Amino acid sequence: MAKDLHELLRTLRVWDPEVTRLPPFDAAAATDDPVSLFTQWFAQAVAAGEREPHTMTLSTSDGEGLPDARIVMLHGADAAGWSFATHATSSKGRQLAARPYAALTFYWPVLGRQVRVRGPVTSAPSEEAQADLHARSTGALAAALTGRQSDVLASAEELTAASEAAWEHARAHPAAKSPTWTLYRLRPDEAEFFQGDAARRHTRLRYRRTGDAWSTDRLWP
């Protein structure tokens, strides 16, 4: 028998020691820039067995300023910014065109860690977006070629037909272009690293951009 939601919630816990290890984090010894620390933490999440550590929440706002969020995949992170891709004609693509500012959130529960970055978003040149797409799987290309992301779908049969045609085209033409496929880069103004602590004395380290350099602050948990 299904339990009441509130009853079910009370049976759950965060950071079960059977599956979670909370490593120490010395904020004073952190790297001078957030990309380096992110790279370290990402590698540690992979080594710890985190499932799909490259997935993240992308938060945008619509034309009325109302928030929106969804899970997308990280395509890279370097001095140019954190990158992800989608169709420019999708809802998130349209929102970024109207309000080119966003936030990304990573959560890695096996280590009790969270990373947040936010800042302006720009589009990479089309040739970079296509190269990034072609470096991925046939399925990724087929999905991009199917297109019409976020449009109203009339029926499941319509999707099946369009997807099958896209898969066939992707297999036959692995260098096929998807005109609306866009690679975006978020260049953060701020980045925050959160390390959970069993005694709830969590460590929060915030980076803020000052020109071409970064300043850091510890935040209360």
N, C-alpha and C. Protein backbone atom coordinates (compact mmCIF):
# COMPACT_ATOMS: atom_id res chain seq x y z
N MET A 1 0.86 -1.19 0.00
CA MET A 1 0.00 0.00 0.00
C MET A 1 0.90 1.25 0.00
N ALA A 2 0.55 2.22 -0.84
CA ALA A 2 1.32 3.45 -0.92
C ALA A 2 1.19 4.24 0.37
N LYS A 3 2.30 4.79 0.81
CA LYS A 3 2.28 5.57 2.04
C LYS A 3 1.89 7.01 1.75
N ASP A 4 1.40 7.67 2.78
CA ASP A 4 1.17 9.10 2.70
C ASP A 4 2.50 9.79 2.40
N LEU A 5 2.50 10.81 1.58
CA LEU A 5 3.74 11.48 1.18
C LEU A 5 4.53 11.95 2.39
N HIS A 6 3.87 12.59 3.34
CA HIS A 6 4.59 13.12 4.50
C HIS A 6 5.16 11.99 5.35
N GLU A 7 4.44 10.89 5.45
CA GLU A 7 4.95 9.74 6.18
C GLU A 7 6.17 9.17 5.47
N LEU A 8 6.09 9.09 4.15
CA LEU A 8 7.21 8.57 3.37
C LEU A 8 8.43 9.47 3.50
N LEU A 9 8.22 10.77 3.48
CA LEU A 9 9.34 11.71 3.61
C LEU A 9 10.05 11.54 4.95
N ARG A 10 9.29 11.24 6.00
CA ARG A 10 9.89 11.10 7.32
C ARG A 10 10.76 9.85 7.43
N THR A 11 10.60 8.91 6.50
CA THR A 11 11.42 7.71 6.53
C THR A 11 12.77 7.90 5.84
N LEU A 12 12.93 9.02 5.17
CA LEU A 12 14.14 9.24 4.39
C LEU A 12 15.15 10.07 5.17
N ARG A 13 16.41 9.93 4.80
CA ARG A 13 17.44 10.74 5.42
C ARG A 13 18.40 11.23 4.34
N VAL A 14 19.10 12.31 4.66
CA VAL A 14 20.09 12.88 3.75
C VAL A 14 21.47 12.37 4.16
N TRP A 15 22.29 12.02 3.17
CA TRP A 15 23.67 11.59 3.39
C TRP A 15 23.75 10.37 4.32
N ASP A 16 23.05 9.34 3.94
CA ASP A 16 23.12 8.07 4.66
C ASP A 16 24.59 7.61 4.65
N PRO A 17 25.17 7.37 5.81
CA PRO A 17 26.59 6.97 5.86
C PRO A 17 26.91 5.68 5.12
N GLU A 18 25.88 4.89 4.81
CA GLU A 18 26.13 3.67 4.05
C GLU A 18 26.47 3.98 2.59
N VAL A 19 26.05 5.13 2.11
CA VAL A 19 26.30 5.46 0.70
C VAL A 19 27.00 6.80 0.52
N THR A 20 27.15 7.55 1.59
CA THR A 20 27.72 8.90 1.49
C THR A 20 28.95 9.04 2.37
N ARG A 21 29.98 9.62 1.81
CA ARG A 21 31.17 9.98 2.58
C ARG A 21 31.32 11.49 2.52
N LEU A 22 31.43 12.13 3.67
CA LEU A 22 31.55 13.58 3.74
C LEU A 22 33.02 13.95 3.98
N PRO A 23 33.76 14.24 2.92
CA PRO A 23 35.18 14.55 3.08
C PRO A 23 35.38 15.93 3.68
N PRO A 24 36.49 16.17 4.36
CA PRO A 24 36.77 17.52 4.86
C PRO A 24 37.07 18.45 3.69
N PHE A 25 36.77 19.71 3.89
CA PHE A 25 37.05 20.73 2.87
C PHE A 25 37.67 21.93 3.55
N ASP A 26 38.94 22.17 3.27
CA ASP A 26 39.66 23.31 3.83
C ASP A 26 39.52 24.48 2.85
N ALA A 27 38.56 25.36 3.12
CA ALA A 27 38.30 26.48 2.20
C ALA A 27 39.51 27.39 2.07
N ALA A 28 40.31 27.50 3.13
CA ALA A 28 41.47 28.38 3.10
C ALA A 28 42.53 27.88 2.11
N ALA A 29 42.50 26.59 1.81
CA ALA A 29 43.49 26.01 0.90
C ALA A 29 42.94 25.82 -0.52
N ALA A 30 41.75 26.37 -0.78
CA ALA A 30 41.13 26.19 -2.09
C ALA A 30 41.91 26.93 -3.17
N THR A 31 41.73 26.51 -4.40
CA THR A 31 42.41 27.13 -5.54
C THR A 31 41.96 28.58 -5.72
N ASP A 32 42.72 29.33 -6.48
CA ASP A 32 42.43 30.75 -6.68
C ASP A 32 41.27 31.00 -7.62
N ASP A 33 40.89 30.00 -8.39
CA ASP A 33 39.79 30.21 -9.34
C ASP A 33 38.82 29.03 -9.25
N PRO A 34 37.54 29.26 -9.56
CA PRO A 34 36.54 28.20 -9.39
C PRO A 34 36.66 27.07 -10.40
N VAL A 35 37.20 27.33 -11.58
CA VAL A 35 37.30 26.26 -12.58
C VAL A 35 38.21 25.15 -12.07
N SER A 36 39.34 25.53 -11.48
CA SER A 36 40.27 24.52 -10.97
C SER A 36 39.64 23.69 -9.85
N LEU A 37 38.95 24.36 -8.93
CA LEU A 37 38.31 23.63 -7.84
C LEU A 37 37.19 22.75 -8.38
N PHE A 38 36.42 23.25 -9.33
CA PHE A 38 35.35 22.45 -9.93
C PHE A 38 35.92 21.20 -10.58
N THR A 39 37.02 21.35 -11.31
CA THR A 39 37.64 20.21 -11.97
C THR A 39 38.06 19.16 -10.94
N GLN A 40 38.64 19.60 -9.82
CA GLN A 40 39.02 18.68 -8.75
C GLN A 40 37.80 17.96 -8.19
N TRP A 41 36.77 18.73 -7.86
CA TRP A 41 35.58 18.14 -7.26
C TRP A 41 34.87 17.21 -8.24
N PHE A 42 34.84 17.57 -9.51
CA PHE A 42 34.19 16.72 -10.50
C PHE A 42 34.90 15.37 -10.58
N ALA A 43 36.23 15.40 -10.65
CA ALA A 43 37.01 14.16 -10.71
C ALA A 43 36.78 13.31 -9.47
N GLN A 44 36.67 13.96 -8.32
CA GLN A 44 36.44 13.22 -7.08
C GLN A 44 35.04 12.61 -7.05
N ALA A 45 34.06 13.31 -7.63
CA ALA A 45 32.71 12.76 -7.70
C ALA A 45 32.68 11.53 -8.59
N VAL A 46 33.39 11.59 -9.71
CA VAL A 46 33.47 10.43 -10.60
C VAL A 46 34.13 9.26 -9.87
N ALA A 47 35.25 9.53 -9.20
CA ALA A 47 35.99 8.47 -8.50
C ALA A 47 35.15 7.87 -7.37
N ALA A 48 34.27 8.66 -6.77
CA ALA A 48 33.44 8.19 -5.67
C ALA A 48 32.23 7.39 -6.15
N GLY A 49 32.05 7.31 -7.47
CA GLY A 49 30.94 6.53 -8.01
C GLY A 49 29.65 7.29 -8.18
N GLU A 50 29.71 8.63 -8.21
CA GLU A 50 28.50 9.41 -8.42
C GLU A 50 27.89 9.08 -9.77
N ARG A 51 26.58 8.82 -9.78
CA ARG A 51 25.88 8.51 -11.02
C ARG A 51 25.62 9.81 -11.78
N GLU A 52 26.03 9.84 -13.02
CA GLU A 52 25.80 10.98 -13.91
C GLU A 52 26.19 12.32 -13.26
N PRO A 53 27.44 12.46 -12.86
CA PRO A 53 27.86 13.72 -12.23
C PRO A 53 27.87 14.90 -13.17
N HIS A 54 27.77 14.63 -14.47
CA HIS A 54 27.79 15.70 -15.47
C HIS A 54 26.40 16.29 -15.74
N THR A 55 25.38 15.77 -15.05
CA THR A 55 24.06 16.37 -15.19
C THR A 55 23.93 17.53 -14.20
N MET A 56 23.17 18.53 -14.59
CA MET A 56 23.05 19.74 -13.77
C MET A 56 21.70 20.38 -14.02
N THR A 57 21.28 21.20 -13.09
CA THR A 57 20.06 21.99 -13.25
C THR A 57 20.41 23.32 -13.90
N LEU A 58 19.76 23.60 -15.02
CA LEU A 58 19.90 24.89 -15.69
C LEU A 58 18.68 25.73 -15.36
N SER A 59 18.91 26.87 -14.73
CA SER A 59 17.82 27.77 -14.35
C SER A 59 17.87 29.03 -15.21
N THR A 60 16.73 29.35 -15.80
CA THR A 60 16.60 30.54 -16.63
C THR A 60 15.34 31.28 -16.19
N SER A 61 15.03 32.37 -16.87
CA SER A 61 13.78 33.08 -16.59
C SER A 61 13.11 33.43 -17.91
N ASP A 62 11.79 33.45 -17.88
CA ASP A 62 11.05 33.72 -19.11
C ASP A 62 10.88 35.23 -19.33
N GLY A 63 10.11 35.58 -20.33
CA GLY A 63 9.95 36.99 -20.68
C GLY A 63 9.32 37.82 -19.58
N GLU A 64 8.60 37.18 -18.66
CA GLU A 64 7.97 37.89 -17.55
C GLU A 64 8.84 37.87 -16.30
N GLY A 65 10.02 37.28 -16.42
CA GLY A 65 10.93 37.20 -15.28
C GLY A 65 10.64 36.03 -14.36
N LEU A 66 9.76 35.12 -14.76
CA LEU A 66 9.42 33.97 -13.92
C LEU A 66 10.49 32.88 -14.10
N PRO A 67 10.88 32.21 -13.02
CA PRO A 67 11.96 31.22 -13.11
C PRO A 67 11.52 29.94 -13.80
N ASP A 68 12.49 29.28 -14.38
CA ASP A 68 12.28 27.99 -15.02
C ASP A 68 13.54 27.16 -14.80
N ALA A 69 13.40 25.85 -14.74
CA ALA A 69 14.56 25.00 -14.49
C ALA A 69 14.35 23.64 -15.10
N ARG A 70 15.47 23.01 -15.49
CA ARG A 70 15.44 21.66 -16.04
C ARG A 70 16.83 21.06 -15.94
N ILE A 71 16.93 19.75 -16.12
CA ILE A 71 18.21 19.07 -16.06
C ILE A 71 18.82 18.99 -17.46
N VAL A 72 20.07 19.39 -17.59
CA VAL A 72 20.80 19.29 -18.85
C VAL A 72 22.17 18.68 -18.57
N MET A 73 22.95 18.49 -19.61
CA MET A 73 24.25 17.85 -19.46
C MET A 73 25.37 18.88 -19.66
N LEU A 74 26.36 18.81 -18.80
CA LEU A 74 27.54 19.65 -18.92
C LEU A 74 28.38 19.18 -20.11
N HIS A 75 28.80 20.13 -20.95
CA HIS A 75 29.64 19.80 -22.09
C HIS A 75 31.09 20.21 -21.87
N GLY A 76 31.37 21.00 -20.86
CA GLY A 76 32.74 21.39 -20.57
C GLY A 76 32.77 22.56 -19.62
N ALA A 77 33.94 22.81 -19.03
CA ALA A 77 34.15 23.95 -18.15
C ALA A 77 35.60 24.37 -18.24
N ASP A 78 35.83 25.63 -18.56
CA ASP A 78 37.18 26.17 -18.64
C ASP A 78 37.10 27.67 -18.42
N ALA A 79 38.17 28.38 -18.75
CA ALA A 79 38.21 29.82 -18.51
C ALA A 79 37.12 30.56 -19.28
N ALA A 80 36.65 29.97 -20.38
CA ALA A 80 35.60 30.62 -21.17
C ALA A 80 34.22 30.44 -20.56
N GLY A 81 34.08 29.47 -19.65
CA GLY A 81 32.80 29.26 -18.99
C GLY A 81 32.37 27.82 -18.97
N TRP A 82 31.22 27.58 -18.34
CA TRP A 82 30.60 26.26 -18.29
C TRP A 82 29.69 26.13 -19.52
N SER A 83 29.81 25.05 -20.27
CA SER A 83 29.08 24.96 -21.53
C SER A 83 28.02 23.86 -21.51
N PHE A 84 26.95 24.11 -22.24
CA PHE A 84 25.86 23.16 -22.43
C PHE A 84 25.25 23.47 -23.80
N ALA A 85 24.39 22.59 -24.28
CA ALA A 85 23.85 22.78 -25.62
C ALA A 85 22.36 22.47 -25.66
N THR A 86 21.68 23.12 -26.58
CA THR A 86 20.26 22.87 -26.82
C THR A 86 19.88 23.56 -28.12
N HIS A 87 18.65 23.38 -28.53
CA HIS A 87 18.16 24.09 -29.71
C HIS A 87 17.85 25.54 -29.36
N ALA A 88 18.25 26.44 -30.22
CA ALA A 88 17.94 27.86 -29.99
C ALA A 88 16.44 28.10 -30.01
N THR A 89 15.69 27.21 -30.65
CA THR A 89 14.25 27.35 -30.76
C THR A 89 13.49 26.70 -29.61
N SER A 90 14.20 26.03 -28.70
CA SER A 90 13.53 25.41 -27.55
C SER A 90 13.12 26.49 -26.56
N SER A 91 12.37 26.10 -25.55
CA SER A 91 11.93 27.09 -24.56
C SER A 91 13.13 27.71 -23.85
N LYS A 92 14.12 26.90 -23.48
CA LYS A 92 15.28 27.47 -22.80
C LYS A 92 16.11 28.31 -23.75
N GLY A 93 16.18 27.91 -25.02
CA GLY A 93 16.89 28.72 -26.00
C GLY A 93 16.23 30.08 -26.20
N ARG A 94 14.91 30.09 -26.25
CA ARG A 94 14.19 31.35 -26.40
C ARG A 94 14.35 32.21 -25.15
N GLN A 95 14.32 31.59 -23.99
CA GLN A 95 14.49 32.35 -22.75
C GLN A 95 15.88 32.96 -22.68
N LEU A 96 16.89 32.21 -23.09
CA LEU A 96 18.26 32.74 -23.06
C LEU A 96 18.45 33.86 -24.08
N ALA A 97 17.72 33.79 -25.18
CA ALA A 97 17.80 34.86 -26.17
C ALA A 97 17.22 36.15 -25.60
N ALA A 98 16.14 36.03 -24.83
CA ALA A 98 15.48 37.20 -24.26
C ALA A 98 16.19 37.71 -23.01
N ARG A 99 16.69 36.77 -22.19
CA ARG A 99 17.37 37.11 -20.95
C ARG A 99 18.62 36.25 -20.84
N PRO A 100 19.74 36.71 -21.41
CA PRO A 100 20.95 35.87 -21.48
C PRO A 100 21.73 35.81 -20.16
N TYR A 101 21.06 35.31 -19.15
CA TYR A 101 21.67 35.16 -17.82
C TYR A 101 21.07 33.91 -17.21
N ALA A 102 21.90 33.08 -16.59
CA ALA A 102 21.38 31.81 -16.08
C ALA A 102 22.17 31.35 -14.86
N ALA A 103 21.71 30.26 -14.27
CA ALA A 103 22.39 29.64 -13.13
C ALA A 103 22.45 28.14 -13.37
N LEU A 104 23.52 27.53 -12.89
CA LEU A 104 23.70 26.08 -12.97
C LEU A 104 23.88 25.54 -11.56
N THR A 105 23.32 24.36 -11.30
CA THR A 105 23.45 23.72 -10.00
C THR A 105 23.83 22.26 -10.19
N PHE A 106 24.91 21.86 -9.52
CA PHE A 106 25.34 20.47 -9.49
C PHE A 106 25.12 19.93 -8.08
N TYR A 107 24.67 18.69 -7.98
CA TYR A 107 24.51 18.06 -6.67
C TYR A 107 25.09 16.66 -6.75
N TRP A 108 26.07 16.39 -5.88
CA TRP A 108 26.74 15.10 -5.82
C TRP A 108 26.56 14.50 -4.42
N PRO A 109 25.45 13.80 -4.19
CA PRO A 109 25.13 13.33 -2.83
C PRO A 109 26.11 12.33 -2.26
N VAL A 110 26.85 11.59 -3.09
CA VAL A 110 27.79 10.60 -2.51
C VAL A 110 28.90 11.29 -1.71
N LEU A 111 29.12 12.57 -1.98
CA LEU A 111 30.11 13.34 -1.22
C LEU A 111 29.48 14.50 -0.45
N GLY A 112 28.16 14.62 -0.51
CA GLY A 112 27.49 15.72 0.17
C GLY A 112 27.92 17.08 -0.37
N ARG A 113 28.09 17.16 -1.69
CA ARG A 113 28.61 18.39 -2.28
C ARG A 113 27.62 19.00 -3.27
N GLN A 114 27.67 20.32 -3.33
CA GLN A 114 26.85 21.08 -4.26
C GLN A 114 27.71 22.21 -4.84
N VAL A 115 27.54 22.46 -6.12
CA VAL A 115 28.23 23.58 -6.77
C VAL A 115 27.19 24.41 -7.51
N ARG A 116 27.25 25.73 -7.32
CA ARG A 116 26.34 26.64 -7.99
C ARG A 116 27.15 27.70 -8.73
N VAL A 117 26.79 27.95 -9.97
CA VAL A 117 27.42 29.04 -10.72
C VAL A 117 26.31 29.84 -11.41
N ARG A 118 26.52 31.14 -11.53
CA ARG A 118 25.56 31.96 -12.26
C ARG A 118 26.27 33.11 -12.93
N GLY A 119 25.73 33.53 -14.08
CA GLY A 119 26.36 34.60 -14.82
C GLY A 119 25.76 34.74 -16.20
N PRO A 120 26.30 35.63 -17.01
CA PRO A 120 25.79 35.84 -18.37
C PRO A 120 26.10 34.66 -19.27
N VAL A 121 25.23 34.46 -20.25
CA VAL A 121 25.36 33.35 -21.18
C VAL A 121 25.52 33.87 -22.60
N THR A 122 26.45 33.30 -23.33
CA THR A 122 26.66 33.65 -24.74
C THR A 122 26.62 32.38 -25.59
N SER A 123 26.43 32.57 -26.88
CA SER A 123 26.40 31.46 -27.82
C SER A 123 27.76 31.32 -28.48
N ALA A 124 28.24 30.10 -28.59
CA ALA A 124 29.49 29.84 -29.30
C ALA A 124 29.23 29.91 -30.80
N PRO A 125 30.26 30.10 -31.60
CA PRO A 125 30.09 30.08 -33.06
C PRO A 125 29.45 28.77 -33.51
N SER A 126 28.69 28.83 -34.60
CA SER A 126 27.96 27.67 -35.09
C SER A 126 28.88 26.47 -35.35
N GLU A 127 30.07 26.73 -35.91
CA GLU A 127 30.96 25.61 -36.21
C GLU A 127 31.40 24.88 -34.95
N GLU A 128 31.51 25.60 -33.83
CA GLU A 128 31.86 24.94 -32.56
C GLU A 128 30.70 24.07 -32.08
N ALA A 129 29.48 24.58 -32.24
CA ALA A 129 28.31 23.82 -31.81
C ALA A 129 28.18 22.53 -32.62
N GLN A 130 28.40 22.61 -33.93
CA GLN A 130 28.29 21.43 -34.77
C GLN A 130 29.40 20.43 -34.45
N ALA A 131 30.62 20.93 -34.23
CA ALA A 131 31.73 20.05 -33.88
C ALA A 131 31.47 19.34 -32.56
N ASP A 132 30.92 20.07 -31.59
CA ASP A 132 30.58 19.48 -30.30
C ASP A 132 29.52 18.40 -30.47
N LEU A 133 28.53 18.65 -31.33
CA LEU A 133 27.47 17.67 -31.57
C LEU A 133 28.02 16.42 -32.24
N HIS A 134 28.89 16.60 -33.22
CA HIS A 134 29.41 15.45 -33.97
C HIS A 134 30.42 14.64 -33.17
N ALA A 135 30.91 15.21 -32.08
CA ALA A 135 31.81 14.45 -31.20
C ALA A 135 31.03 13.51 -30.29
N ARG A 136 29.71 13.61 -30.31
CA ARG A 136 28.87 12.81 -29.42
C ARG A 136 28.30 11.59 -30.16
N SER A 137 27.38 10.93 -29.55
CA SER A 137 26.87 9.66 -30.07
C SER A 137 25.92 9.88 -31.25
N THR A 138 25.67 8.78 -31.98
CA THR A 138 24.68 8.82 -33.06
C THR A 138 23.31 9.20 -32.50
N GLY A 139 23.02 8.71 -31.31
CA GLY A 139 21.74 9.05 -30.69
C GLY A 139 21.60 10.53 -30.41
N ALA A 140 22.71 11.16 -29.97
CA ALA A 140 22.67 12.60 -29.72
C ALA A 140 22.39 13.37 -31.01
N LEU A 141 23.04 12.93 -32.11
CA LEU A 141 22.80 13.59 -33.39
C LEU A 141 21.37 13.36 -33.85
N ALA A 142 20.87 12.13 -33.70
CA ALA A 142 19.50 11.84 -34.10
C ALA A 142 18.50 12.69 -33.32
N ALA A 143 18.73 12.85 -32.02
CA ALA A 143 17.84 13.67 -31.20
C ALA A 143 17.87 15.12 -31.67
N ALA A 144 19.07 15.62 -31.99
CA ALA A 144 19.19 17.00 -32.46
C ALA A 144 18.50 17.18 -33.81
N LEU A 145 18.61 16.16 -34.68
CA LEU A 145 17.99 16.25 -36.00
C LEU A 145 16.47 16.12 -35.93
N THR A 146 15.98 15.45 -34.89
CA THR A 146 14.53 15.34 -34.73
C THR A 146 13.91 16.72 -34.55
N GLY A 147 14.60 17.57 -33.78
CA GLY A 147 14.20 18.96 -33.65
C GLY A 147 12.85 19.17 -33.00
N ARG A 148 12.32 20.37 -33.15
CA ARG A 148 11.00 20.79 -32.65
C ARG A 148 10.89 20.68 -31.13
N GLN A 149 12.03 20.76 -30.43
CA GLN A 149 12.02 20.64 -28.98
C GLN A 149 11.13 21.70 -28.36
N SER A 150 10.29 21.30 -27.45
CA SER A 150 9.35 22.14 -26.68
C SER A 150 8.08 22.50 -27.45
N ASP A 151 8.00 22.13 -28.76
CA ASP A 151 6.75 22.35 -29.50
C ASP A 151 5.69 21.38 -29.00
N VAL A 152 4.43 21.71 -29.24
CA VAL A 152 3.34 20.81 -28.86
C VAL A 152 3.37 19.58 -29.76
N LEU A 153 3.29 18.40 -29.16
CA LEU A 153 3.32 17.13 -29.89
C LEU A 153 1.89 16.63 -30.08
N ALA A 154 1.53 16.37 -31.34
CA ALA A 154 0.17 15.94 -31.64
C ALA A 154 -0.09 14.50 -31.22
N SER A 155 0.91 13.63 -31.39
CA SER A 155 0.71 12.22 -31.04
C SER A 155 2.05 11.54 -30.88
N ALA A 156 2.04 10.40 -30.17
CA ALA A 156 3.26 9.61 -30.02
C ALA A 156 3.73 9.08 -31.37
N GLU A 157 2.78 8.77 -32.26
CA GLU A 157 3.12 8.26 -33.58
C GLU A 157 3.92 9.28 -34.38
N GLU A 158 3.57 10.56 -34.24
CA GLU A 158 4.30 11.61 -34.94
C GLU A 158 5.75 11.66 -34.48
N LEU A 159 5.96 11.53 -33.17
CA LEU A 159 7.31 11.52 -32.63
C LEU A 159 8.08 10.30 -33.13
N THR A 160 7.45 9.15 -33.11
CA THR A 160 8.12 7.93 -33.56
C THR A 160 8.58 8.05 -35.01
N ALA A 161 7.72 8.57 -35.87
CA ALA A 161 8.07 8.71 -37.28
C ALA A 161 9.22 9.69 -37.47
N ALA A 162 9.17 10.83 -36.78
CA ALA A 162 10.23 11.83 -36.91
C ALA A 162 11.54 11.30 -36.35
N SER A 163 11.48 10.59 -35.23
CA SER A 163 12.69 10.06 -34.61
C SER A 163 13.32 8.97 -35.48
N GLU A 164 12.50 8.08 -36.02
CA GLU A 164 13.04 7.02 -36.88
C GLU A 164 13.72 7.61 -38.11
N ALA A 165 13.13 8.63 -38.69
CA ALA A 165 13.73 9.28 -39.86
C ALA A 165 15.04 9.96 -39.47
N ALA A 166 15.08 10.57 -38.29
CA ALA A 166 16.29 11.24 -37.82
C ALA A 166 17.41 10.24 -37.56
N TRP A 167 17.07 9.10 -36.95
CA TRP A 167 18.07 8.06 -36.70
C TRP A 167 18.65 7.55 -38.02
N GLU A 168 17.79 7.32 -38.99
CA GLU A 168 18.26 6.84 -40.29
C GLU A 168 19.20 7.86 -40.94
N HIS A 169 18.83 9.12 -40.86
CA HIS A 169 19.66 10.17 -41.45
C HIS A 169 20.99 10.30 -40.70
N ALA A 170 20.95 10.19 -39.38
CA ALA A 170 22.17 10.31 -38.58
C ALA A 170 23.14 9.17 -38.89
N ARG A 171 22.61 7.97 -39.07
CA ARG A 171 23.48 6.83 -39.39
C ARG A 171 24.10 6.99 -40.78
N ALA A 172 23.31 7.49 -41.72
CA ALA A 172 23.79 7.62 -43.10
C ALA A 172 24.67 8.85 -43.29
N HIS A 173 24.45 9.87 -42.47
CA HIS A 173 25.17 11.14 -42.62
C HIS A 173 25.67 11.61 -41.25
N PRO A 174 26.73 10.99 -40.72
CA PRO A 174 27.20 11.33 -39.36
C PRO A 174 27.71 12.76 -39.22
N ALA A 175 27.93 13.46 -40.34
CA ALA A 175 28.36 14.86 -40.27
C ALA A 175 27.22 15.81 -40.56
N ALA A 176 25.98 15.30 -40.53
CA ALA A 176 24.83 16.16 -40.81
C ALA A 176 24.74 17.29 -39.79
N LYS A 177 24.29 18.45 -40.25
CA LYS A 177 24.20 19.62 -39.37
C LYS A 177 22.77 19.77 -38.85
N SER A 178 22.70 20.26 -37.64
CA SER A 178 21.41 20.63 -37.04
C SER A 178 21.43 22.15 -36.89
N PRO A 179 20.77 22.87 -37.79
CA PRO A 179 20.92 24.33 -37.85
C PRO A 179 20.61 25.08 -36.56
N THR A 180 19.67 24.58 -35.77
CA THR A 180 19.29 25.31 -34.55
C THR A 180 20.06 24.86 -33.32
N TRP A 181 20.89 23.82 -33.47
CA TRP A 181 21.64 23.32 -32.32
C TRP A 181 22.68 24.34 -31.92
N THR A 182 22.68 24.73 -30.65
CA THR A 182 23.51 25.84 -30.18
C THR A 182 24.30 25.43 -28.94
N LEU A 183 25.56 25.79 -28.94
CA LEU A 183 26.43 25.57 -27.77
C LEU A 183 26.48 26.88 -26.99
N TYR A 184 26.07 26.82 -25.74
CA TYR A 184 26.04 28.00 -24.88
C TYR A 184 27.17 27.93 -23.86
N ARG A 185 27.65 29.10 -23.45
CA ARG A 185 28.66 29.18 -22.39
C ARG A 185 28.21 30.17 -21.33
N LEU A 186 28.20 29.69 -20.10
CA LEU A 186 27.90 30.55 -18.96
C LEU A 186 29.23 30.95 -18.32
N ARG A 187 29.52 32.23 -18.33
CA ARG A 187 30.76 32.75 -17.73
C ARG A 187 30.38 33.33 -16.36
N PRO A 188 30.67 32.62 -15.29
CA PRO A 188 30.09 33.01 -14.00
C PRO A 188 30.62 34.31 -13.43
N ASP A 189 29.71 35.06 -12.84
CA ASP A 189 30.06 36.19 -11.99
C ASP A 189 30.31 35.68 -10.57
N GLU A 190 29.60 34.60 -10.23
CA GLU A 190 29.72 33.99 -8.90
C GLU A 190 29.74 32.47 -9.04
N ALA A 191 30.45 31.84 -8.13
CA ALA A 191 30.45 30.38 -8.03
C ALA A 191 30.52 30.02 -6.56
N GLU A 192 29.70 29.07 -6.14
CA GLU A 192 29.70 28.66 -4.74
C GLU A 192 29.90 27.16 -4.62
N PHE A 193 30.76 26.77 -3.69
CA PHE A 193 31.05 25.36 -3.41
C PHE A 193 30.57 25.05 -2.00
N PHE A 194 29.74 24.02 -1.89
CA PHE A 194 29.12 23.63 -0.62
C PHE A 194 29.58 22.23 -0.26
N GLN A 195 30.15 22.08 0.92
CA GLN A 195 30.52 20.76 1.43
C GLN A 195 29.73 20.47 2.68
N GLY A 196 28.95 19.40 2.64
CA GLY A 196 28.14 19.04 3.78
C GLY A 196 28.97 18.51 4.94
N ASP A 197 28.44 18.65 6.14
CA ASP A 197 29.11 18.20 7.36
C ASP A 197 28.08 17.48 8.24
N ALA A 198 28.49 16.36 8.83
CA ALA A 198 27.56 15.55 9.61
C ALA A 198 26.97 16.32 10.78
N ALA A 199 27.74 17.26 11.34
CA ALA A 199 27.25 18.06 12.46
C ALA A 199 26.52 19.32 11.98
N ARG A 200 26.24 19.38 10.68
CA ARG A 200 25.54 20.51 10.05
C ARG A 200 26.35 21.80 10.07
N ARG A 201 27.66 21.69 10.29
CA ARG A 201 28.53 22.86 10.17
C ARG A 201 29.13 22.86 8.76
N HIS A 202 28.23 23.02 7.81
CA HIS A 202 28.61 22.92 6.40
C HIS A 202 29.59 24.04 6.01
N THR A 203 30.44 23.74 5.04
CA THR A 203 31.38 24.74 4.52
C THR A 203 30.85 25.27 3.20
N ARG A 204 30.74 26.59 3.12
CA ARG A 204 30.33 27.24 1.88
C ARG A 204 31.39 28.27 1.49
N LEU A 205 31.93 28.09 0.29
CA LEU A 205 32.94 28.99 -0.23
C LEU A 205 32.41 29.65 -1.49
N ARG A 206 32.36 30.98 -1.48
CA ARG A 206 31.84 31.71 -2.63
C ARG A 206 32.98 32.45 -3.34
N TYR A 207 33.04 32.28 -4.65
CA TYR A 207 33.94 33.05 -5.50
C TYR A 207 33.14 34.15 -6.18
N ARG A 208 33.71 35.35 -6.22
CA ARG A 208 33.09 36.45 -6.97
C ARG A 208 34.12 37.07 -7.88
N ARG A 209 33.71 37.29 -9.13
CA ARG A 209 34.63 37.82 -10.12
C ARG A 209 34.86 39.32 -9.88
N THR A 210 36.13 39.70 -9.90
CA THR A 210 36.51 41.11 -9.81
C THR A 210 37.49 41.38 -10.94
N GLY A 211 36.95 41.90 -12.05
CA GLY A 211 37.77 42.07 -13.24
C GLY A 211 38.15 40.70 -13.79
N ASP A 212 39.44 40.46 -13.91
CA ASP A 212 39.91 39.16 -14.37
C ASP A 212 40.36 38.27 -13.22
N ALA A 213 40.13 38.71 -12.00
CA ALA A 213 40.54 37.94 -10.82
C ALA A 213 39.30 37.52 -10.04
N TRP A 214 39.55 36.72 -8.99
CA TRP A 214 38.47 36.23 -8.15
C TRP A 214 38.74 36.57 -6.69
N SER A 215 37.68 36.95 -5.99
CA SER A 215 37.76 37.10 -4.54
C SER A 215 36.90 36.00 -3.93
N THR A 216 37.19 35.64 -2.68
CA THR A 216 36.44 34.57 -2.03
C THR A 216 35.91 35.01 -0.68
N ASP A 217 34.80 34.38 -0.29
CA ASP A 217 34.18 34.61 1.02
C ASP A 217 33.68 33.29 1.56
N ARG A 218 33.77 33.11 2.87
CA ARG A 218 33.09 32.01 3.54
C ARG A 218 31.68 32.48 3.88
N LEU A 219 30.71 31.60 3.72
CA LEU A 219 29.32 31.94 4.03
C LEU A 219 28.81 31.06 5.15
N TRP A 220 27.91 31.63 5.93
CA TRP A 220 27.26 30.83 6.97
C TRP A 220 26.42 29.74 6.30
N PRO A 221 26.39 28.55 6.89
CA PRO A 221 25.59 27.46 6.28
C PRO A 221 24.08 27.71 6.47
